[in-house]
Amino acid sequence: MEKTVSREHALFRITWWGALVNLVLLLFKFAAGILGRSGAMLADATHSLSDFGSDIVVLLFVKLSSKPKDASHRYGHGKYETFATLIIGIFLFGAALYLCSESVKEIIAYIEGTELQQPTYIALVAAVVSIILKEGLFRITLRVGKRYNSSSVIANAWHHRSDAYSSIGTAVGIAGATLLGPKWAVLDPIAAAVVSVFIFKSAISIALPSVNELLEHALPEETENEIRLLVNQENGFSNLHNLRTRRIGNAIAIEFHVRVDGDMHVADAHALTKNVEKRLREYFGQNTYISIHVEPDSFLH
């Protein structure tokens, strides 16, 4: 119980810090975009708004996923965290779609002869500040997410990194338009369009594993092979079959059938089962759900 509380506290703390930074950044970016006449900065501010929204989602769902199992949720509440991760991916996809569409509109307008507004230095300063803060936040959040095996916090960390990428593109575009003159103002939307492609990629890489988990996708083949190796170390078990695996939030579920000597006492078969359960939990974590069905093997007589 102490470990669960510690994990929840650590995830909440890093996410609250992220939410605070994102709130300050999005207000600063919106102000810099308006005062600095930068459409790219306003788009970047919108991306920060999606970051802030994803922080709120994580804060809500990590708390739910940390609840112990009950009569209605025999496998716990881990998939609340999975659902939160999927929502972050959707947020990210929407932000990328917005950035891309706005950039393309400006590029088309430029081609048709419209003179784009030249951004000012305050927009460039906002982009540089965003890069520094978001990259730092990414590194800290990723470290915490990996330490506590939280898919939603790890996804949120990559959301911070995508915002840093977005700000890099914005900074390049604003710097080019500011330093090279009005004729190069189109660098702003071009850079934003290129960055949006990378954000799309991040959104898919975050959302797809969550979709697979919600659809009860099996664990990778190498993981299932590790399960077989661990089970086969137990003398007295044979013919492991009907192996079923899936992920439940930050834990995994393992189900399989094995055969034992038909003359073996129930107590002995139970002892073998407990040995295997202990071995699997030591390898995959104490929260691993394990179901072993023991069958008598008449061929062992």
Protein backbone atom coordinates (compact mmCIF):
# COMPACT_ATOMS: atom_id res chain seq x y z
CA MET A 1 0.00 0.00 0.00
CA GLU A 2 2.91 2.31 0.77
CA LYS A 3 4.31 1.81 -2.73
CA THR A 4 0.94 2.67 -4.33
CA VAL A 5 0.61 5.88 -2.30
CA SER A 6 4.22 6.85 -3.13
CA ARG A 7 3.63 6.21 -6.83
CA GLU A 8 0.41 8.21 -6.89
CA HIS A 9 2.02 11.09 -5.02
CA ALA A 10 5.02 11.20 -7.38
CA LEU A 11 2.85 11.11 -10.52
CA PHE A 12 0.55 13.79 -9.16
CA ARG A 13 3.42 16.06 -8.17
CA ILE A 14 5.18 15.98 -11.55
CA THR A 15 1.89 16.42 -13.41
CA TRP A 16 0.89 19.39 -11.25
CA TRP A 17 4.23 21.03 -11.97
CA GLY A 18 3.69 20.37 -15.67
CA ALA A 19 0.20 21.85 -15.52
CA LEU A 20 1.52 24.97 -13.81
CA VAL A 21 4.29 25.47 -16.39
CA ASN A 22 1.85 24.89 -19.25
CA LEU A 23 -0.64 27.39 -17.83
CA VAL A 24 2.04 30.09 -17.54
CA LEU A 25 3.40 29.28 -21.00
CA LEU A 26 0.07 29.31 -22.81
CA LEU A 27 -0.82 32.71 -21.29
CA PHE A 28 2.63 34.06 -22.19
CA LYS A 29 2.44 32.65 -25.72
CA PHE A 30 -1.03 34.01 -26.41
CA ALA A 31 0.12 37.46 -25.23
CA ALA A 32 3.34 37.22 -27.28
CA GLY A 33 1.44 36.03 -30.35
CA ILE A 34 -0.99 38.96 -30.18
CA LEU A 35 1.59 41.62 -29.30
CA GLY A 36 4.21 40.13 -31.62
CA ARG A 37 1.81 39.71 -34.57
CA SER A 38 2.79 36.05 -34.97
CA GLY A 39 0.25 33.52 -36.20
CA ALA A 40 2.75 30.74 -35.56
CA MET A 41 3.07 31.78 -31.93
CA LEU A 42 -0.71 31.78 -31.54
CA ALA A 43 -0.77 28.26 -33.00
CA ASP A 44 2.02 27.27 -30.61
CA ALA A 45 -0.03 28.70 -27.74
CA THR A 46 -2.94 26.53 -28.85
CA HIS A 47 -0.62 23.52 -28.64
CA SER A 48 0.29 24.53 -25.09
CA LEU A 49 -3.41 24.73 -24.33
CA SER A 50 -3.75 21.08 -25.40
CA ASP A 51 -0.80 20.27 -23.11
CA PHE A 52 -2.57 21.91 -20.20
CA GLY A 53 -5.74 19.97 -21.01
CA SER A 54 -3.81 16.69 -21.09
CA ASP A 55 -2.28 17.49 -17.69
CA ILE A 56 -5.75 17.85 -16.23
CA VAL A 57 -6.77 14.53 -17.81
CA VAL A 58 -3.76 12.76 -16.29
CA LEU A 59 -4.44 14.24 -12.84
CA LEU A 60 -7.98 12.91 -12.94
CA PHE A 61 -7.27 9.45 -14.38
CA VAL A 62 -4.06 8.59 -12.49
CA LYS A 63 -6.01 8.99 -9.25
CA LEU A 64 -8.74 6.69 -10.57
CA SER A 65 -6.24 4.10 -11.84
CA SER A 66 -4.55 3.97 -8.41
CA LYS A 67 -7.74 2.77 -6.69
CA PRO A 68 -7.55 -0.85 -5.49
CA LYS A 69 -9.70 -3.55 -7.06
CA ASP A 70 -13.29 -3.80 -5.86
CA ALA A 71 -16.48 -5.78 -6.54
CA SER A 72 -17.06 -3.93 -9.83
CA HIS A 73 -13.44 -3.95 -11.02
CA ARG A 74 -11.88 -7.33 -10.23
CA TYR A 75 -8.73 -6.43 -12.17
CA GLY A 76 -8.39 -2.99 -10.58
CA HIS A 77 -8.74 0.37 -12.32
CA GLY A 78 -5.54 0.36 -14.39
CA LYS A 79 -7.32 0.96 -17.68
CA TYR A 80 -8.40 4.40 -16.55
CA GLU A 81 -4.75 5.31 -17.08
CA THR A 82 -4.81 3.66 -20.49
CA PHE A 83 -7.86 5.68 -21.41
CA ALA A 84 -6.09 8.85 -20.23
CA THR A 85 -3.14 8.02 -22.47
CA LEU A 86 -5.48 7.64 -25.45
CA ILE A 87 -7.06 11.02 -24.71
CA ILE A 88 -3.59 12.62 -24.66
CA GLY A 89 -2.88 11.10 -28.08
CA ILE A 90 -6.15 12.53 -29.39
CA PHE A 91 -5.32 15.95 -27.91
CA LEU A 92 -1.94 15.80 -29.61
CA PHE A 93 -3.44 14.76 -32.95
CA GLY A 94 -5.93 17.62 -32.78
CA ALA A 95 -3.19 20.14 -32.00
CA ALA A 96 -1.12 18.88 -34.94
CA LEU A 97 -4.13 19.07 -37.25
CA TYR A 98 -4.78 22.66 -36.20
CA LEU A 99 -1.13 23.68 -36.64
CA CYS A 100 -0.94 22.07 -40.07
CA SER A 101 -4.20 23.54 -41.38
CA GLU A 102 -3.38 27.07 -40.20
CA SER A 103 0.12 26.86 -41.70
CA VAL A 104 -1.17 25.63 -45.06
CA LYS A 105 -3.72 28.45 -45.17
CA GLU A 106 -0.99 31.04 -44.65
CA ILE A 107 1.29 29.43 -47.25
CA ILE A 108 -1.52 29.42 -49.82
CA ALA A 109 -2.31 33.04 -49.02
CA TYR A 110 1.36 33.96 -49.55
CA ILE A 111 1.46 32.15 -52.90
CA GLU A 112 -1.64 34.03 -54.00
CA GLY A 113 0.11 37.33 -53.31
CA THR A 114 -0.97 38.18 -49.79
CA GLU A 115 1.75 39.87 -47.74
CA LEU A 116 2.13 38.08 -44.44
CA GLN A 117 2.65 39.95 -41.20
CA GLN A 118 6.23 40.13 -40.00
CA PRO A 119 6.48 38.96 -36.37
CA THR A 120 8.38 40.94 -33.73
CA TYR A 121 11.09 39.92 -31.28
CA ILE A 122 8.74 39.27 -28.35
CA ALA A 123 7.36 36.27 -30.24
CA LEU A 124 10.89 34.96 -30.77
CA VAL A 125 11.69 35.35 -27.06
CA ALA A 126 8.51 33.44 -26.15
CA ALA A 127 9.51 30.59 -28.48
CA VAL A 128 13.01 30.31 -26.98
CA VAL A 129 11.66 30.36 -23.41
CA SER A 130 9.16 27.65 -24.37
CA ILE A 131 11.88 25.42 -25.82
CA ILE A 132 13.98 25.61 -22.65
CA LEU A 133 11.11 25.06 -20.22
CA LYS A 134 9.40 22.30 -22.20
CA GLU A 135 12.59 20.32 -22.84
CA GLY A 136 13.42 20.45 -19.12
CA LEU A 137 9.88 19.43 -18.23
CA PHE A 138 10.06 16.56 -20.75
CA ARG A 139 13.22 15.11 -19.21
CA ILE A 140 11.93 15.29 -15.62
CA THR A 141 8.47 13.92 -16.48
CA LEU A 142 9.86 11.06 -18.57
CA ARG A 143 12.18 10.02 -15.74
CA VAL A 144 9.30 9.92 -13.25
CA GLY A 145 6.99 8.12 -15.70
CA LYS A 146 9.56 5.39 -16.39
CA ARG A 147 10.42 5.01 -12.72
CA TYR A 148 6.80 4.31 -11.81
CA ASN A 149 5.86 2.60 -15.10
CA SER A 150 3.03 5.07 -15.86
CA SER A 151 1.98 5.05 -19.52
CA SER A 152 -0.07 8.24 -19.20
CA VAL A 153 2.76 10.20 -17.54
CA ILE A 154 5.25 8.93 -20.14
CA ALA A 155 2.80 9.98 -22.86
CA ASN A 156 2.48 13.36 -21.19
CA ALA A 157 6.27 13.70 -21.19
CA TRP A 158 6.36 13.15 -24.95
CA HIS A 159 3.59 15.70 -25.24
CA HIS A 160 5.98 18.18 -23.56
CA ARG A 161 8.70 17.20 -26.04
CA SER A 162 6.32 17.71 -28.99
CA ASP A 163 5.58 21.21 -27.69
CA ALA A 164 9.33 21.87 -27.56
CA TYR A 165 9.59 20.68 -31.19
CA SER A 166 6.71 22.94 -32.09
CA SER A 167 8.46 25.88 -30.43
CA ILE A 168 11.69 25.09 -32.30
CA GLY A 169 9.86 25.30 -35.61
CA THR A 170 8.13 28.45 -34.46
CA ALA A 171 11.44 30.00 -33.37
CA VAL A 172 13.07 29.20 -36.71
CA GLY A 173 10.17 30.68 -38.65
CA ILE A 174 9.91 33.78 -36.48
CA ALA A 175 13.69 34.32 -36.53
CA GLY A 176 13.79 34.05 -40.32
CA ALA A 177 10.83 36.35 -40.82
CA THR A 178 12.12 38.86 -38.28
CA LEU A 179 15.77 38.98 -39.34
CA LEU A 180 15.42 38.53 -43.12
CA GLY A 181 12.50 40.90 -43.70
CA PRO A 182 8.84 40.75 -44.78
CA LYS A 183 9.57 38.74 -47.95
CA TRP A 184 10.64 35.83 -45.77
CA ALA A 185 7.63 35.92 -43.47
CA VAL A 186 6.42 32.70 -45.13
CA LEU A 187 9.18 30.84 -43.20
CA ASP A 188 6.94 31.04 -40.15
CA PRO A 189 4.05 28.91 -41.51
CA ILE A 190 6.42 26.61 -43.44
CA ALA A 191 8.33 25.73 -40.26
CA ALA A 192 5.08 25.20 -38.36
CA ALA A 193 3.79 22.84 -41.09
CA VAL A 194 6.97 20.75 -40.97
CA VAL A 195 6.83 20.49 -37.18
CA SER A 196 3.17 19.45 -37.30
CA VAL A 197 4.22 16.31 -39.21
CA PHE A 198 6.43 15.24 -36.30
CA ILE A 199 3.61 15.98 -33.88
CA PHE A 200 1.29 13.74 -35.92
CA LYS A 201 3.85 10.94 -35.61
CA SER A 202 4.09 11.41 -31.84
CA ALA A 203 0.28 11.37 -31.54
CA ILE A 204 0.04 8.04 -33.36
CA SER A 205 2.87 6.45 -31.35
CA ILE A 206 1.14 7.48 -28.12
CA ALA A 207 -2.44 6.57 -29.06
CA LEU A 208 -1.86 3.25 -30.86
CA PRO A 209 -0.57 1.23 -27.85
CA SER A 210 -3.54 2.49 -25.81
CA VAL A 211 -5.96 1.38 -28.51
CA ASN A 212 -4.28 -2.05 -28.59
CA GLU A 213 -4.57 -2.35 -24.81
CA LEU A 214 -8.23 -1.37 -24.76
CA LEU A 215 -8.85 -3.97 -27.48
CA GLU A 216 -7.13 -6.66 -25.33
CA HIS A 217 -4.10 -6.94 -27.60
CA ALA A 218 -1.67 -9.68 -26.46
CA LEU A 219 1.73 -8.80 -25.05
CA PRO A 220 4.70 -8.89 -27.47
CA GLU A 221 5.92 -12.30 -28.56
CA GLU A 222 9.24 -11.87 -26.75
CA THR A 223 7.37 -11.23 -23.48
CA GLU A 224 5.28 -14.36 -23.92
CA ASN A 225 8.45 -16.35 -24.63
CA GLU A 226 9.89 -15.04 -21.35
CA ILE A 227 6.74 -16.27 -19.58
CA ARG A 228 7.17 -19.73 -21.10
CA LEU A 229 10.82 -19.90 -20.02
CA LEU A 230 9.94 -18.96 -16.44
CA VAL A 231 7.10 -21.47 -16.22
CA ASN A 232 9.13 -24.29 -17.78
CA GLN A 233 11.74 -23.91 -15.04
CA GLU A 234 9.29 -25.57 -12.64
CA ASN A 235 9.82 -29.34 -12.46
CA GLY A 236 6.47 -31.11 -12.50
CA PHE A 237 4.77 -28.76 -14.99
CA SER A 238 4.55 -29.75 -18.65
CA ASN A 239 2.80 -28.78 -21.88
CA LEU A 240 2.09 -25.11 -21.22
CA HIS A 241 -0.81 -24.15 -23.52
CA ASN A 242 -3.71 -21.71 -23.94
CA LEU A 243 -1.43 -18.85 -22.93
CA ARG A 244 -3.32 -15.55 -22.81
CA THR A 245 -1.73 -12.21 -21.96
CA ARG A 246 -2.80 -8.57 -21.88
CA ARG A 247 -1.88 -5.29 -20.27
CA ILE A 248 -4.00 -3.61 -17.59
CA GLY A 249 -2.65 -0.10 -17.04
CA ASN A 250 0.83 -0.43 -15.52
CA ALA A 251 0.32 -4.16 -14.77
CA ILE A 252 -0.06 -7.26 -16.94
CA ALA A 253 -2.37 -10.29 -16.80
CA ILE A 254 -1.16 -13.83 -17.53
CA GLU A 255 -3.41 -16.87 -17.96
CA PHE A 256 -2.37 -20.36 -19.08
CA HIS A 257 -3.00 -24.11 -18.73
CA VAL A 258 -0.38 -26.66 -17.65
CA ARG A 259 -0.35 -30.39 -17.07
CA VAL A 260 0.88 -32.33 -14.06
CA ASP A 261 1.14 -36.00 -13.18
CA GLY A 262 -2.40 -37.32 -12.76
CA ASP A 263 -1.37 -39.08 -9.52
CA MET A 264 -0.02 -35.89 -7.93
CA HIS A 265 -1.73 -34.74 -4.74
CA VAL A 266 -3.69 -31.49 -4.93
CA ALA A 267 -1.47 -29.92 -2.27
CA ASP A 268 1.65 -30.69 -4.31
CA ALA A 269 0.13 -29.26 -7.49
CA HIS A 270 -0.87 -26.15 -5.52
CA ALA A 271 2.71 -25.77 -4.23
CA LEU A 272 4.04 -25.89 -7.81
CA THR A 273 1.52 -23.23 -8.80
CA LYS A 274 2.57 -20.93 -5.97
CA ASN A 275 6.23 -21.33 -6.96
CA VAL A 276 5.47 -20.27 -10.54
CA GLU A 277 3.31 -17.35 -9.41
CA LYS A 278 6.16 -16.11 -7.18
CA ARG A 279 8.68 -16.43 -10.03
CA LEU A 280 6.46 -14.55 -12.48
CA ARG A 281 5.70 -11.74 -10.02
CA GLU A 282 9.37 -11.32 -9.15
CA TYR A 283 10.07 -10.87 -12.86
CA PHE A 284 7.05 -8.84 -14.04
CA GLY A 285 6.04 -7.05 -10.82
CA GLN A 286 3.97 -7.79 -7.74
CA ASN A 287 0.82 -6.36 -9.34
CA THR A 288 0.84 -9.03 -12.07
CA TYR A 289 -2.48 -10.89 -12.41
CA ILE A 290 -1.87 -14.64 -12.77
CA SER A 291 -4.36 -17.42 -13.43
CA ILE A 292 -3.06 -20.99 -13.77
CA HIS A 293 -5.32 -23.89 -14.75
CA VAL A 294 -3.83 -27.27 -13.79
CA GLU A 295 -4.82 -30.40 -15.76
CA PRO A 296 -3.98 -34.05 -15.04
CA ASP A 297 -1.79 -35.69 -17.69
CA SER A 298 -2.67 -39.36 -18.11
CA PHE A 299 0.44 -39.86 -20.27
CA LEU A 300 2.66 -39.25 -17.24
CA HIS A 301 1.45 -42.40 -15.43
